[in-house]
Structures are given as structure tokens and as C-alpha cells.
């Protein structure tokens, strides 16, 4: 079984507060944000809507991508979300409904 790593963007709402993170278990990590188990920035601002994510095969690639996105202008992050999720829908429900490990991969990633 191949390990997968995820870079993800959470938002408080459309064009709201943003958070960029990296994890090896996207469903678990987003659930932690939704349940308020991650203290600090995201909990204080109600940032718990999964609006974008991508998969990577190697952790170093995922961390590099996360760091690059964190340096982007807000407008660039908005464009990244709106490219595949123009309504800023919470993707967490679809993610949980998808069976099997690695099923959260987006086309063109890895």
C-alpha cells in the first residue's frame, strides 16, 4: 500500500479566512478541525470548511507545496479553490463518502 500525503485548504466561508495544511490522513485531520480539536488560528476563526486538496506520494513534495501556497497572495489561493470548487462547497462530505485509502486523490496529482 502506498502512503499518501495531502495538502489542503480550509476556509471559514467563501473568500473568508484561510488555512493551508498538510497531513497523511485528510479525513481525520478535517474532522479534528470541525470538532474544534485543533486549538488556535482555525478554531478561533471558525475555519473548518474543506474547500481544496491534492495528494502527493512523498511527504517532502507535500511540505514544499504547502510552504509555497502559504506564501501566495490571497487572490491566488482564491483562484486555486475556484478553479475546481467555484461555490466554495465543503468537500468533507464527499471525501468521507469515498471508500478506500487514497481515494481522495485529485486528477493530475502525485
N, C-alpha and C. Protein backbone atom coordinates (compact mmCIF):
# COMPACT_ATOMS: atom_id res chain seq x y z
N UNK A 1 0.84 -1.18 0.00
CA UNK A 1 0.00 0.00 0.00
C UNK A 1 0.89 1.25 0.00
N UNK A 2 0.57 2.19 -0.85
CA UNK A 2 1.34 3.41 -0.98
C UNK A 2 0.81 4.45 -0.01
N UNK A 3 1.72 5.06 0.73
CA UNK A 3 1.35 6.16 1.62
C UNK A 3 1.02 7.38 0.79
N UNK A 4 0.03 8.13 1.19
CA UNK A 4 -0.33 9.37 0.51
C UNK A 4 -0.32 10.51 1.51
N UNK A 5 0.01 11.67 1.01
CA UNK A 5 0.05 12.87 1.82
C UNK A 5 -0.81 13.92 1.14
N UNK A 6 -1.45 14.74 1.92
CA UNK A 6 -2.43 15.70 1.40
C UNK A 6 -2.05 17.12 1.79
N UNK A 7 -2.15 18.01 0.83
CA UNK A 7 -2.08 19.44 1.07
C UNK A 7 -3.52 19.91 0.94
N UNK A 8 -3.97 20.71 1.89
CA UNK A 8 -5.38 21.08 1.89
C UNK A 8 -5.57 22.54 2.28
N UNK A 9 -6.70 23.07 1.85
CA UNK A 9 -7.09 24.44 2.17
C UNK A 9 -8.44 24.39 2.88
N UNK A 10 -8.49 24.99 4.06
CA UNK A 10 -9.74 25.16 4.78
C UNK A 10 -10.13 26.63 4.71
N UNK A 11 -11.42 26.90 4.77
CA UNK A 11 -11.91 28.27 4.75
C UNK A 11 -13.03 28.41 5.77
N UNK A 12 -13.24 29.65 6.22
CA UNK A 12 -14.35 29.92 7.12
C UNK A 12 -15.64 30.09 6.32
N UNK A 13 -15.51 30.34 5.04
CA UNK A 13 -16.64 30.53 4.12
C UNK A 13 -16.08 31.03 2.81
N UNK A 14 -16.94 31.32 1.84
CA UNK A 14 -16.46 31.82 0.55
C UNK A 14 -15.62 33.09 0.72
N UNK A 15 -14.40 33.04 0.22
CA UNK A 15 -13.47 34.16 0.28
C UNK A 15 -13.24 34.66 1.70
N UNK A 16 -13.33 33.75 2.67
CA UNK A 16 -13.14 34.12 4.08
C UNK A 16 -11.73 33.83 4.56
N UNK A 17 -11.61 33.57 5.87
CA UNK A 17 -10.33 33.19 6.45
C UNK A 17 -9.85 31.90 5.82
N UNK A 18 -8.54 31.75 5.63
CA UNK A 18 -7.97 30.56 5.00
C UNK A 18 -6.91 29.91 5.89
N UNK A 19 -6.77 28.62 5.71
CA UNK A 19 -5.72 27.87 6.39
C UNK A 19 -5.19 26.82 5.43
N UNK A 20 -3.87 26.73 5.30
CA UNK A 20 -3.23 25.72 4.46
C UNK A 20 -2.53 24.73 5.37
N UNK A 21 -2.74 23.44 5.13
CA UNK A 21 -2.10 22.43 5.96
C UNK A 21 -1.65 21.23 5.15
N UNK A 22 -0.96 20.32 5.83
CA UNK A 22 -0.50 19.07 5.23
C UNK A 22 -0.76 17.95 6.24
N UNK A 23 -1.15 16.78 5.75
CA UNK A 23 -1.45 15.65 6.62
C UNK A 23 -1.31 14.35 5.85
N UNK A 24 -1.24 13.25 6.58
CA UNK A 24 -1.26 11.93 5.93
C UNK A 24 -2.63 11.27 6.07
N UNK A 25 -3.57 11.93 6.74
CA UNK A 25 -4.93 11.40 6.92
C UNK A 25 -5.91 12.57 6.85
N UNK A 26 -6.36 12.87 5.65
CA UNK A 26 -7.18 14.06 5.42
C UNK A 26 -8.52 13.99 6.14
N UNK A 27 -9.18 12.85 6.12
CA UNK A 27 -10.49 12.73 6.77
C UNK A 27 -10.35 13.00 8.27
N UNK A 28 -9.37 12.36 8.89
CA UNK A 28 -9.15 12.56 10.33
C UNK A 28 -8.83 14.01 10.65
N UNK A 29 -7.93 14.60 9.87
CA UNK A 29 -7.47 15.96 10.17
C UNK A 29 -8.59 16.98 10.02
N UNK A 30 -9.39 16.86 8.97
CA UNK A 30 -10.50 17.80 8.79
C UNK A 30 -11.53 17.60 9.90
N UNK A 31 -11.77 16.35 10.30
CA UNK A 31 -12.70 16.08 11.41
C UNK A 31 -12.20 16.76 12.68
N UNK A 32 -10.90 16.73 12.91
CA UNK A 32 -10.33 17.40 14.09
C UNK A 32 -10.60 18.91 14.04
N UNK A 33 -10.45 19.50 12.87
CA UNK A 33 -10.76 20.93 12.73
C UNK A 33 -12.24 21.19 12.97
N UNK A 34 -13.10 20.36 12.41
CA UNK A 34 -14.54 20.54 12.56
C UNK A 34 -15.00 20.38 14.01
N UNK A 35 -14.36 19.52 14.74
CA UNK A 35 -14.73 19.27 16.13
C UNK A 35 -14.04 20.23 17.10
N UNK A 36 -13.25 21.15 16.58
CA UNK A 36 -12.57 22.12 17.42
C UNK A 36 -11.42 21.54 18.22
N UNK A 37 -10.87 20.43 17.76
CA UNK A 37 -9.78 19.77 18.47
C UNK A 37 -8.41 20.36 18.14
N UNK A 38 -8.37 21.27 17.16
CA UNK A 38 -7.12 21.92 16.78
C UNK A 38 -7.20 23.35 17.32
N UNK A 39 -6.57 23.60 18.46
CA UNK A 39 -6.67 24.94 19.06
C UNK A 39 -5.89 25.98 18.25
N UNK A 40 -6.26 27.22 18.43
CA UNK A 40 -5.52 28.30 17.80
C UNK A 40 -6.26 28.95 16.65
N UNK A 41 -5.50 29.27 15.62
CA UNK A 41 -5.97 30.05 14.48
C UNK A 41 -7.28 29.54 13.88
N UNK A 42 -7.34 28.26 13.55
CA UNK A 42 -8.54 27.74 12.87
C UNK A 42 -9.75 27.71 13.80
N UNK A 43 -9.57 27.30 15.04
CA UNK A 43 -10.68 27.24 15.99
C UNK A 43 -11.21 28.63 16.31
N UNK A 44 -10.31 29.58 16.49
CA UNK A 44 -10.70 30.95 16.84
C UNK A 44 -11.48 31.62 15.72
N UNK A 45 -11.24 31.23 14.49
CA UNK A 45 -11.87 31.88 13.34
C UNK A 45 -12.94 31.04 12.65
N UNK A 46 -13.23 29.88 13.18
CA UNK A 46 -14.25 29.02 12.57
C UNK A 46 -13.86 28.50 11.20
N UNK A 47 -12.59 28.20 11.03
CA UNK A 47 -12.08 27.72 9.74
C UNK A 47 -12.16 26.20 9.75
N UNK A 48 -13.21 25.66 9.12
CA UNK A 48 -13.39 24.20 9.14
C UNK A 48 -14.02 23.65 7.87
N UNK A 49 -14.08 24.47 6.83
CA UNK A 49 -14.68 24.05 5.56
C UNK A 49 -13.56 23.63 4.61
N UNK A 50 -13.52 22.34 4.25
CA UNK A 50 -12.52 21.84 3.30
C UNK A 50 -12.93 22.28 1.90
N UNK A 51 -12.14 23.18 1.30
CA UNK A 51 -12.52 23.73 0.00
C UNK A 51 -11.59 23.30 -1.14
N UNK A 52 -10.43 22.72 -0.78
CA UNK A 52 -9.48 22.28 -1.81
C UNK A 52 -8.49 21.32 -1.17
N UNK A 53 -8.05 20.34 -1.96
CA UNK A 53 -6.97 19.45 -1.52
C UNK A 53 -6.34 18.77 -2.73
N UNK A 54 -5.13 18.27 -2.51
CA UNK A 54 -4.46 17.48 -3.53
C UNK A 54 -3.60 16.44 -2.82
N UNK A 55 -3.27 15.38 -3.54
CA UNK A 55 -2.47 14.30 -2.95
C UNK A 55 -1.05 14.32 -3.49
N UNK A 56 -0.17 13.78 -2.67
CA UNK A 56 1.23 13.65 -3.04
C UNK A 56 1.71 12.29 -2.56
N UNK A 57 2.62 11.71 -3.27
CA UNK A 57 3.17 10.41 -2.90
C UNK A 57 4.24 10.55 -1.81
N UNK A 58 4.97 11.66 -1.82
CA UNK A 58 6.09 11.85 -0.91
C UNK A 58 5.86 13.05 0.00
N UNK A 59 6.19 12.89 1.28
CA UNK A 59 5.97 13.95 2.26
C UNK A 59 6.75 15.21 1.93
N UNK A 60 7.96 15.07 1.42
CA UNK A 60 8.75 16.27 1.12
C UNK A 60 8.10 17.10 0.02
N UNK A 61 7.46 16.44 -0.95
CA UNK A 61 6.73 17.16 -2.00
C UNK A 61 5.53 17.91 -1.41
N UNK A 62 4.82 17.23 -0.51
CA UNK A 62 3.64 17.84 0.10
C UNK A 62 4.03 19.05 0.95
N UNK A 63 5.08 18.91 1.73
CA UNK A 63 5.52 20.02 2.58
C UNK A 63 5.99 21.20 1.73
N UNK A 64 6.72 20.93 0.66
CA UNK A 64 7.17 22.00 -0.23
C UNK A 64 5.98 22.73 -0.85
N UNK A 65 5.00 21.98 -1.30
CA UNK A 65 3.80 22.58 -1.90
C UNK A 65 3.04 23.42 -0.87
N UNK A 66 2.91 22.91 0.35
CA UNK A 66 2.24 23.66 1.42
C UNK A 66 2.96 24.98 1.67
N UNK A 67 4.27 24.94 1.79
CA UNK A 67 5.04 26.15 2.05
C UNK A 67 4.90 27.16 0.92
N UNK A 68 4.89 26.68 -0.31
CA UNK A 68 4.72 27.59 -1.46
C UNK A 68 3.35 28.26 -1.43
N UNK A 69 2.30 27.46 -1.20
CA UNK A 69 0.95 28.02 -1.18
C UNK A 69 0.80 29.02 -0.04
N UNK A 70 1.41 28.75 1.10
CA UNK A 70 1.33 29.68 2.23
C UNK A 70 1.90 31.05 1.88
N UNK A 71 2.85 31.11 0.97
CA UNK A 71 3.46 32.39 0.56
C UNK A 71 2.65 33.12 -0.51
N UNK A 72 1.66 32.46 -1.09
CA UNK A 72 0.86 33.06 -2.15
C UNK A 72 0.01 34.21 -1.63
N UNK A 73 -0.35 35.10 -2.54
CA UNK A 73 -1.34 36.14 -2.25
C UNK A 73 -2.70 35.48 -2.05
N UNK A 74 -3.56 36.12 -1.27
CA UNK A 74 -4.92 35.59 -1.04
C UNK A 74 -5.65 35.34 -2.36
N UNK A 75 -5.50 36.27 -3.29
CA UNK A 75 -6.20 36.15 -4.57
C UNK A 75 -5.79 34.88 -5.31
N UNK A 76 -4.53 34.51 -5.21
CA UNK A 76 -4.05 33.29 -5.87
C UNK A 76 -4.67 32.07 -5.20
N UNK A 77 -4.79 32.09 -3.88
CA UNK A 77 -5.42 30.98 -3.16
C UNK A 77 -6.90 30.89 -3.53
N UNK A 78 -7.56 32.03 -3.62
CA UNK A 78 -8.96 32.04 -4.05
C UNK A 78 -9.10 31.41 -5.43
N UNK A 79 -8.22 31.77 -6.35
CA UNK A 79 -8.26 31.23 -7.72
C UNK A 79 -8.03 29.72 -7.70
N UNK A 80 -7.14 29.25 -6.84
CA UNK A 80 -6.89 27.82 -6.72
C UNK A 80 -8.16 27.08 -6.31
N UNK A 81 -8.86 27.61 -5.34
CA UNK A 81 -10.12 27.00 -4.89
C UNK A 81 -11.16 27.05 -6.00
N UNK A 82 -11.35 28.23 -6.57
CA UNK A 82 -12.42 28.43 -7.54
C UNK A 82 -12.22 27.70 -8.85
N UNK A 83 -10.99 27.28 -9.13
CA UNK A 83 -10.72 26.50 -10.34
C UNK A 83 -11.53 25.21 -10.36
N UNK A 84 -11.65 24.53 -9.23
CA UNK A 84 -12.39 23.27 -9.16
C UNK A 84 -13.59 23.31 -8.21
N UNK A 85 -13.72 24.38 -7.44
CA UNK A 85 -14.79 24.47 -6.46
C UNK A 85 -15.31 25.90 -6.42
N UNK A 86 -15.94 26.37 -7.51
CA UNK A 86 -16.34 27.77 -7.62
C UNK A 86 -17.36 28.22 -6.57
N UNK A 87 -18.09 27.28 -5.99
CA UNK A 87 -19.09 27.64 -4.98
C UNK A 87 -18.55 27.52 -3.56
N UNK A 88 -17.29 27.17 -3.43
CA UNK A 88 -16.65 27.02 -2.12
C UNK A 88 -17.40 26.00 -1.26
N UNK A 89 -17.87 24.93 -1.90
CA UNK A 89 -18.59 23.88 -1.17
C UNK A 89 -17.63 23.17 -0.22
N UNK A 90 -18.16 22.66 0.87
CA UNK A 90 -17.37 21.88 1.81
C UNK A 90 -17.21 20.48 1.22
N UNK A 91 -15.99 20.11 0.88
CA UNK A 91 -15.70 18.83 0.24
C UNK A 91 -15.59 17.67 1.23
N UNK A 92 -15.70 17.97 2.50
CA UNK A 92 -15.54 16.95 3.53
C UNK A 92 -16.57 15.83 3.38
N UNK A 93 -17.81 16.16 3.09
CA UNK A 93 -18.86 15.15 2.93
C UNK A 93 -18.56 14.18 1.80
N UNK A 94 -18.14 14.70 0.66
CA UNK A 94 -17.81 13.83 -0.47
C UNK A 94 -16.57 12.99 -0.17
N UNK A 95 -15.64 13.56 0.57
CA UNK A 95 -14.42 12.86 0.94
C UNK A 95 -14.73 11.67 1.84
N UNK A 96 -15.59 11.88 2.82
CA UNK A 96 -15.98 10.80 3.75
C UNK A 96 -16.76 9.71 3.04
N UNK A 97 -17.50 10.07 1.99
CA UNK A 97 -18.34 9.10 1.27
C UNK A 97 -17.54 8.25 0.29
N UNK A 98 -16.30 8.66 0.01
CA UNK A 98 -15.47 7.94 -0.95
C UNK A 98 -14.74 6.81 -0.25
N UNK A 99 -14.98 5.55 -0.65
CA UNK A 99 -14.36 4.42 0.04
C UNK A 99 -12.90 4.22 -0.33
N UNK A 100 -12.17 3.64 0.60
CA UNK A 100 -10.82 3.16 0.32
C UNK A 100 -9.73 4.17 0.55
N UNK A 101 -8.54 3.70 0.92
CA UNK A 101 -7.40 4.59 1.12
C UNK A 101 -6.95 5.18 -0.20
N UNK A 102 -6.55 6.44 -0.13
CA UNK A 102 -6.05 7.11 -1.33
C UNK A 102 -7.15 7.57 -2.26
N UNK A 103 -8.40 7.40 -1.88
CA UNK A 103 -9.49 7.75 -2.78
C UNK A 103 -9.69 9.25 -2.88
N UNK A 104 -8.99 10.01 -2.06
CA UNK A 104 -9.14 11.45 -2.09
C UNK A 104 -8.25 12.12 -3.13
N UNK A 105 -7.58 11.34 -3.94
CA UNK A 105 -6.67 11.95 -4.90
C UNK A 105 -7.41 12.75 -5.96
N UNK A 106 -6.79 13.81 -6.37
CA UNK A 106 -7.31 14.67 -7.42
C UNK A 106 -6.58 14.33 -8.70
N UNK A 107 -7.25 14.44 -9.85
CA UNK A 107 -6.57 14.15 -11.11
C UNK A 107 -5.34 15.03 -11.30
N UNK A 108 -4.30 14.43 -11.83
CA UNK A 108 -3.10 15.18 -12.16
C UNK A 108 -2.13 15.35 -11.01
N UNK A 109 -2.41 14.78 -9.87
CA UNK A 109 -1.52 14.91 -8.72
C UNK A 109 -0.72 13.64 -8.55
N UNK A 110 0.22 13.70 -7.65
CA UNK A 110 1.16 12.65 -7.31
C UNK A 110 2.35 12.87 -8.12
